[in-house]
Amino acid sequence: MKALNIVLAVVGGAIAGATVGLLLAPEKGERTRKNIVKYLEDKGIKLQKSKIEELANEIADELGK
């Protein structure tokens, strides 16, 4: 495995872990989604605001099943 793939896997895992942690926190869903959006923006993920919110909603929905 190339070093870049390893780095990307670690970063992806960190983002996924943080997202799960936020979603399992005892806060309202709307507040949690805002936390996810802020976290992604803080990590430098450059998506349109609507796309980040859509991603946060999809993650929340999948974990809520």
PDB file of N, CA and C in Angstrom:
ATOM      1  N   MET A   1       0.850  -1.170   0.000  1.00  0.00           N
ATOM      2  CA  MET A   1       0.000   0.000   0.000  1.00  0.00           C
ATOM      3  C   MET A   1       0.896   1.234   0.000  1.00  0.00           C
ATOM      4  N   LYS A   2       0.549   2.193  -0.796  1.00  0.00           N
ATOM      5  CA  LYS A   2       1.337   3.416  -0.864  1.00  0.00           C
ATOM      6  C   LYS A   2       1.106   4.266   0.376  1.00  0.00           C
ATOM      7  N   ALA A   3       2.100   5.076   0.673  1.00  0.00           N
ATOM      8  CA  ALA A   3       2.022   5.929   1.865  1.00  0.00           C
ATOM      9  C   ALA A   3       0.826   6.861   1.799  1.00  0.00           C
ATOM     10  N   LEU A   4       0.534   7.387   0.618  1.00  0.00           N
ATOM     11  CA  LEU A   4      -0.605   8.301   0.479  1.00  0.00           C
ATOM     12  C   LEU A   4      -1.914   7.592   0.821  1.00  0.00           C
ATOM     13  N   ASN A   5      -2.053   6.354   0.397  1.00  0.00           N
ATOM     14  CA  ASN A   5      -3.270   5.595   0.715  1.00  0.00           C
ATOM     15  C   ASN A   5      -3.416   5.381   2.216  1.00  0.00           C
ATOM     16  N   ILE A   6      -2.299   5.138   2.878  1.00  0.00           N
ATOM     17  CA  ILE A   6      -2.332   4.947   4.328  1.00  0.00           C
ATOM     18  C   ILE A   6      -2.765   6.234   5.017  1.00  0.00           C
ATOM     19  N   VAL A   7      -2.197   7.357   4.587  1.00  0.00           N
ATOM     20  CA  VAL A   7      -2.546   8.654   5.175  1.00  0.00           C
ATOM     21  C   VAL A   7      -4.021   8.953   4.949  1.00  0.00           C
ATOM     22  N   LEU A   8      -4.497   8.716   3.729  1.00  0.00           N
ATOM     23  CA  LEU A   8      -5.911   8.969   3.430  1.00  0.00           C
ATOM     24  C   LEU A   8      -6.823   8.065   4.257  1.00  0.00           C
ATOM     25  N   ALA A   9      -6.424   6.834   4.469  1.00  0.00           N
ATOM     26  CA  ALA A   9      -7.221   5.914   5.287  1.00  0.00           C
ATOM     27  C   ALA A   9      -7.275   6.391   6.733  1.00  0.00           C
ATOM     28  N   VAL A  10      -6.159   6.864   7.255  1.00  0.00           N
ATOM     29  CA  VAL A  10      -6.119   7.355   8.634  1.00  0.00           C
ATOM     30  C   VAL A  10      -6.987   8.600   8.779  1.00  0.00           C
ATOM     31  N   VAL A  11      -6.863   9.525   7.831  1.00  0.00           N
ATOM     32  CA  VAL A  11      -7.664  10.763   7.888  1.00  0.00           C
ATOM     33  C   VAL A  11      -9.151  10.430   7.765  1.00  0.00           C
ATOM     34  N   GLY A  12      -9.483   9.542   6.830  1.00  0.00           N
ATOM     35  CA  GLY A  12     -10.883   9.135   6.666  1.00  0.00           C
ATOM     36  C   GLY A  12     -11.431   8.478   7.918  1.00  0.00           C
ATOM     37  N   GLY A  13     -10.626   7.639   8.540  1.00  0.00           N
ATOM     38  CA  GLY A  13     -11.043   6.991   9.786  1.00  0.00           C
ATOM     39  C   GLY A  13     -11.240   7.981  10.912  1.00  0.00           C
ATOM     40  N   ALA A  14     -10.362   8.973  10.976  1.00  0.00           N
ATOM     41  CA  ALA A  14     -10.486   9.998  12.016  1.00  0.00           C
ATOM     42  C   ALA A  14     -11.766  10.803  11.837  1.00  0.00           C
ATOM     43  N   ILE A  15     -12.054  11.163  10.602  1.00  0.00           N
ATOM     44  CA  ILE A  15     -13.277  11.926  10.323  1.00  0.00           C
ATOM     45  C   ILE A  15     -14.509  11.087  10.639  1.00  0.00           C
ATOM     46  N   ALA A  16     -14.491   9.828  10.228  1.00  0.00           N
ATOM     47  CA  ALA A  16     -15.633   8.943  10.503  1.00  0.00           C
ATOM     48  C   ALA A  16     -15.816   8.747  12.005  1.00  0.00           C
ATOM     49  N   GLY A  17     -14.722   8.551  12.721  1.00  0.00           N
ATOM     50  CA  GLY A  17     -14.808   8.368  14.172  1.00  0.00           C
ATOM     51  C   GLY A  17     -15.341   9.590  14.879  1.00  0.00           C
ATOM     52  N   ALA A  18     -14.864  10.751  14.462  1.00  0.00           N
ATOM     53  CA  ALA A  18     -15.347  11.992  15.073  1.00  0.00           C
ATOM     54  C   ALA A  18     -16.826  12.206  14.766  1.00  0.00           C
ATOM     55  N   THR A  19     -17.215  11.873  13.552  1.00  0.00           N
ATOM     56  CA  THR A  19     -18.621  12.023  13.166  1.00  0.00           C
ATOM     57  C   THR A  19     -19.517  11.107  14.002  1.00  0.00           C
ATOM     58  N   VAL A  20     -19.117   9.885  14.163  1.00  0.00           N
ATOM     59  CA  VAL A  20     -19.896   8.944  14.983  1.00  0.00           C
ATOM     60  C   VAL A  20     -19.976   9.449  16.420  1.00  0.00           C
ATOM     61  N   GLY A  21     -18.872   9.945  16.936  1.00  0.00           N
ATOM     62  CA  GLY A  21     -18.862  10.494  18.291  1.00  0.00           C
ATOM     63  C   GLY A  21     -19.821  11.651  18.450  1.00  0.00           C
ATOM     64  N   LEU A  22     -19.848  12.521  17.446  1.00  0.00           N
ATOM     65  CA  LEU A  22     -20.772  13.652  17.498  1.00  0.00           C
ATOM     66  C   LEU A  22     -22.221  13.187  17.419  1.00  0.00           C
ATOM     67  N   LEU A  23     -22.468  12.209  16.566  1.00  0.00           N
ATOM     68  CA  LEU A  23     -23.842  11.746  16.387  1.00  0.00           C
ATOM     69  C   LEU A  23     -24.373  10.997  17.605  1.00  0.00           C
ATOM     70  N   LEU A  24     -23.507  10.389  18.350  1.00  0.00           N
ATOM     71  CA  LEU A  24     -23.941   9.648  19.532  1.00  0.00           C
ATOM     72  C   LEU A  24     -23.989  10.519  20.789  1.00  0.00           C
ATOM     73  N   ALA A  25     -23.585  11.763  20.650  1.00  0.00           N
ATOM     74  CA  ALA A  25     -23.631  12.691  21.785  1.00  0.00           C
ATOM     75  C   ALA A  25     -25.094  13.000  22.125  1.00  0.00           C
ATOM     76  N   PRO A  26     -25.375  13.268  23.375  1.00  0.00           N
ATOM     77  CA  PRO A  26     -26.766  13.504  23.791  1.00  0.00           C
ATOM     78  C   PRO A  26     -27.256  14.921  23.496  1.00  0.00           C
ATOM     79  N   GLU A  27     -27.188  15.325  22.239  1.00  0.00           N
ATOM     80  CA  GLU A  27     -27.688  16.637  21.845  1.00  0.00           C
ATOM     81  C   GLU A  27     -28.781  16.442  20.803  1.00  0.00           C
ATOM     82  N   LYS A  28     -29.521  17.506  20.536  1.00  0.00           N
ATOM     83  CA  LYS A  28     -30.547  17.456  19.515  1.00  0.00           C
ATOM     84  C   LYS A  28     -29.901  17.235  18.153  1.00  0.00           C
ATOM     85  N   GLY A  29     -30.641  16.614  17.247  1.00  0.00           N
ATOM     86  CA  GLY A  29     -30.132  16.312  15.911  1.00  0.00           C
ATOM     87  C   GLY A  29     -29.683  17.535  15.145  1.00  0.00           C
ATOM     88  N   GLU A  30     -30.450  18.617  15.225  1.00  0.00           N
ATOM     89  CA  GLU A  30     -30.096  19.833  14.500  1.00  0.00           C
ATOM     90  C   GLU A  30     -28.762  20.382  14.999  1.00  0.00           C
ATOM     91  N   ARG A  31     -28.581  20.385  16.293  1.00  0.00           N
ATOM     92  CA  ARG A  31     -27.328  20.871  16.883  1.00  0.00           C
ATOM     93  C   ARG A  31     -26.164  19.964  16.489  1.00  0.00           C
ATOM     94  N   THR A  32     -26.412  18.663  16.484  1.00  0.00           N
ATOM     95  CA  THR A  32     -25.381  17.704  16.106  1.00  0.00           C
ATOM     96  C   THR A  32     -24.972  17.911  14.649  1.00  0.00           C
ATOM     97  N   ARG A  33     -25.941  18.118  13.775  1.00  0.00           N
ATOM     98  CA  ARG A  33     -25.630  18.360  12.367  1.00  0.00           C
ATOM     99  C   ARG A  33     -24.788  19.626  12.208  1.00  0.00           C
ATOM    100  N   LYS A  34     -25.103  20.650  12.971  1.00  0.00           N
ATOM    101  CA  LYS A  34     -24.303  21.881  12.922  1.00  0.00           C
ATOM    102  C   LYS A  34     -22.874  21.609  13.390  1.00  0.00           C
ATOM    103  N   ASN A  35     -22.731  20.757  14.409  1.00  0.00           N
ATOM    104  CA  ASN A  35     -21.400  20.383  14.884  1.00  0.00           C
ATOM    105  C   ASN A  35     -20.616  19.650  13.807  1.00  0.00           C
ATOM    106  N   ILE A  36     -21.293  18.761  13.068  1.00  0.00           N
ATOM    107  CA  ILE A  36     -20.633  18.027  11.993  1.00  0.00           C
ATOM    108  C   ILE A  36     -20.164  18.992  10.913  1.00  0.00           C
ATOM    109  N   VAL A  37     -21.039  19.913  10.521  1.00  0.00           N
ATOM    110  CA  VAL A  37     -20.676  20.903   9.502  1.00  0.00           C
ATOM    111  C   VAL A  37     -19.469  21.707   9.957  1.00  0.00           C
ATOM    112  N   LYS A  38     -19.475  22.165  11.196  1.00  0.00           N
ATOM    113  CA  LYS A  38     -18.357  22.946  11.715  1.00  0.00           C
ATOM    114  C   LYS A  38     -17.081  22.120  11.733  1.00  0.00           C
ATOM    115  N   TYR A  39     -17.176  20.866  12.139  1.00  0.00           N
ATOM    116  CA  TYR A  39     -16.011  19.989  12.196  1.00  0.00           C
ATOM    117  C   TYR A  39     -15.412  19.806  10.800  1.00  0.00           C
ATOM    118  N   LEU A  40     -16.258  19.530   9.819  1.00  0.00           N
ATOM    119  CA  LEU A  40     -15.764  19.348   8.456  1.00  0.00           C
ATOM    120  C   LEU A  40     -15.092  20.612   7.942  1.00  0.00           C
ATOM    121  N   GLU A  41     -15.693  21.754   8.212  1.00  0.00           N
ATOM    122  CA  GLU A  41     -15.096  23.014   7.776  1.00  0.00           C
ATOM    123  C   GLU A  41     -13.772  23.271   8.483  1.00  0.00           C
ATOM    124  N   ASP A  42     -13.700  22.967   9.771  1.00  0.00           N
ATOM    125  CA  ASP A  42     -12.448  23.146  10.520  1.00  0.00           C
ATOM    126  C   ASP A  42     -11.331  22.256   9.992  1.00  0.00           C
ATOM    127  N   LYS A  43     -11.698  21.086   9.458  1.00  0.00           N
ATOM    128  CA  LYS A  43     -10.704  20.158   8.916  1.00  0.00           C
ATOM    129  C   LYS A  43     -10.323  20.505   7.478  1.00  0.00           C
ATOM    130  N   GLY A  44     -10.897  21.580   6.956  1.00  0.00           N
ATOM    131  CA  GLY A  44     -10.521  22.045   5.628  1.00  0.00           C
ATOM    132  C   GLY A  44     -11.237  21.365   4.486  1.00  0.00           C
ATOM    133  N   ILE A  45     -12.339  20.708   4.771  1.00  0.00           N
ATOM    134  CA  ILE A  45     -13.103  20.075   3.704  1.00  0.00           C
ATOM    135  C   ILE A  45     -13.911  21.169   3.026  1.00  0.00           C
ATOM    136  N   LYS A  46     -13.541  21.420   1.787  1.00  0.00           N
ATOM    137  CA  LYS A  46     -14.125  22.528   1.039  1.00  0.00           C
ATOM    138  C   LYS A  46     -15.273  22.036   0.159  1.00  0.00           C
ATOM    139  N   LEU A  47     -16.458  22.087   0.682  1.00  0.00           N
ATOM    140  CA  LEU A  47     -17.664  21.767  -0.064  1.00  0.00           C
ATOM    141  C   LEU A  47     -18.610  22.951   0.057  1.00  0.00           C
ATOM    142  N   GLN A  48     -19.551  23.020  -0.849  1.00  0.00           N
ATOM    143  CA  GLN A  48     -20.574  24.044  -0.717  1.00  0.00           C
ATOM    144  C   GLN A  48     -21.336  23.793   0.575  1.00  0.00           C
ATOM    145  N   LYS A  49     -21.810  24.862   1.171  1.00  0.00           N
ATOM    146  CA  LYS A  49     -22.520  24.749   2.445  1.00  0.00           C
ATOM    147  C   LYS A  49     -23.656  23.726   2.356  1.00  0.00           C
ATOM    148  N   SER A  50     -24.401  23.755   1.272  1.00  0.00           N
ATOM    149  CA  SER A  50     -25.518  22.821   1.131  1.00  0.00           C
ATOM    150  C   SER A  50     -25.027  21.375   1.034  1.00  0.00           C
ATOM    151  N   LYS A  51     -23.874  21.153   0.399  1.00  0.00           N
ATOM    152  CA  LYS A  51     -23.332  19.803   0.263  1.00  0.00           C
ATOM    153  C   LYS A  51     -22.843  19.278   1.610  1.00  0.00           C
ATOM    154  N   ILE A  52     -22.227  20.142   2.415  1.00  0.00           N
ATOM    155  CA  ILE A  52     -21.774  19.727   3.739  1.00  0.00           C
ATOM    156  C   ILE A  52     -22.979  19.368   4.603  1.00  0.00           C
ATOM    157  N   GLU A  53     -24.013  20.182   4.556  1.00  0.00           N
ATOM    158  CA  GLU A  53     -25.218  19.899   5.337  1.00  0.00           C
ATOM    159  C   GLU A  53     -25.880  18.612   4.851  1.00  0.00           C
ATOM    160  N   GLU A  54     -25.875  18.394   3.537  1.00  0.00           N
ATOM    161  CA  GLU A  54     -26.447  17.162   2.982  1.00  0.00           C
ATOM    162  C   GLU A  54     -25.666  15.936   3.464  1.00  0.00           C
ATOM    163  N   LEU A  55     -24.337  16.047   3.467  1.00  0.00           N
ATOM    164  CA  LEU A  55     -23.497  14.957   3.950  1.00  0.00           C
ATOM    165  C   LEU A  55     -23.770  14.682   5.431  1.00  0.00           C
ATOM    166  N   ALA A  56     -23.857  15.722   6.232  1.00  0.00           N
ATOM    167  CA  ALA A  56     -24.138  15.564   7.662  1.00  0.00           C
ATOM    168  C   ALA A  56     -25.497  14.901   7.873  1.00  0.00           C
ATOM    169  N   ASN A  57     -26.490  15.280   7.086  1.00  0.00           N
ATOM    170  CA  ASN A  57     -27.816  14.676   7.202  1.00  0.00           C
ATOM    171  C   ASN A  57     -27.786  13.201   6.816  1.00  0.00           C
ATOM    172  N   GLU A  58     -27.054  12.867   5.763  1.00  0.00           N
ATOM    173  CA  GLU A  58     -26.961  11.473   5.334  1.00  0.00           C
ATOM    174  C   GLU A  58     -26.293  10.617   6.399  1.00  0.00           C
ATOM    175  N   ILE A  59     -25.218  11.150   7.003  1.00  0.00           N
ATOM    176  CA  ILE A  59     -24.522  10.408   8.052  1.00  0.00           C
ATOM    177  C   ILE A  59     -25.454  10.196   9.245  1.00  0.00           C
ATOM    178  N   ALA A  60     -26.160  11.243   9.635  1.00  0.00           N
ATOM    179  CA  ALA A  60     -27.073  11.150  10.769  1.00  0.00           C
ATOM    180  C   ALA A  60     -28.187  10.139  10.485  1.00  0.00           C
ATOM    181  N   ASP A  61     -28.718  10.158   9.275  1.00  0.00           N
ATOM    182  CA  ASP A  61     -29.786   9.232   8.908  1.00  0.00           C
ATOM    183  C   ASP A  61     -29.306   7.782   8.929  1.00  0.00           C
ATOM    184  N   GLU A  62     -28.122   7.540   8.401  1.00  0.00           N
ATOM    185  CA  GLU A  62     -27.588   6.176   8.359  1.00  0.00           C
ATOM    186  C   GLU A  62     -27.338   5.637   9.783  1.00  0.00           C
ATOM    187  N   LEU A  63     -26.834   6.465  10.639  1.00  0.00           N
ATOM    188  CA  LEU A  63     -26.566   6.009  11.994  1.00  0.00           C
ATOM    189  C   LEU A  63     -27.836   5.892  12.823  1.00  0.00           C
ATOM    190  N   GLY A  64     -28.887   6.582  12.416  1.00  0.00           N
ATOM    191  CA  GLY A  64     -30.144   6.528  13.134  1.00  0.00           C
ATOM    192  C   GLY A  64     -30.958   5.281  12.845  1.00  0.00           C
ATOM    193  N   LYS A  65     -30.572   4.538  11.811  1.00  0.00           N
ATOM    194  CA  LYS A  65     -31.329   3.325  11.414  1.00  0.00           C
ATOM    195  C   LYS A  65     -31.105   2.189  12.377  1.00  0.00           C
TER     196      LYS A  65
END
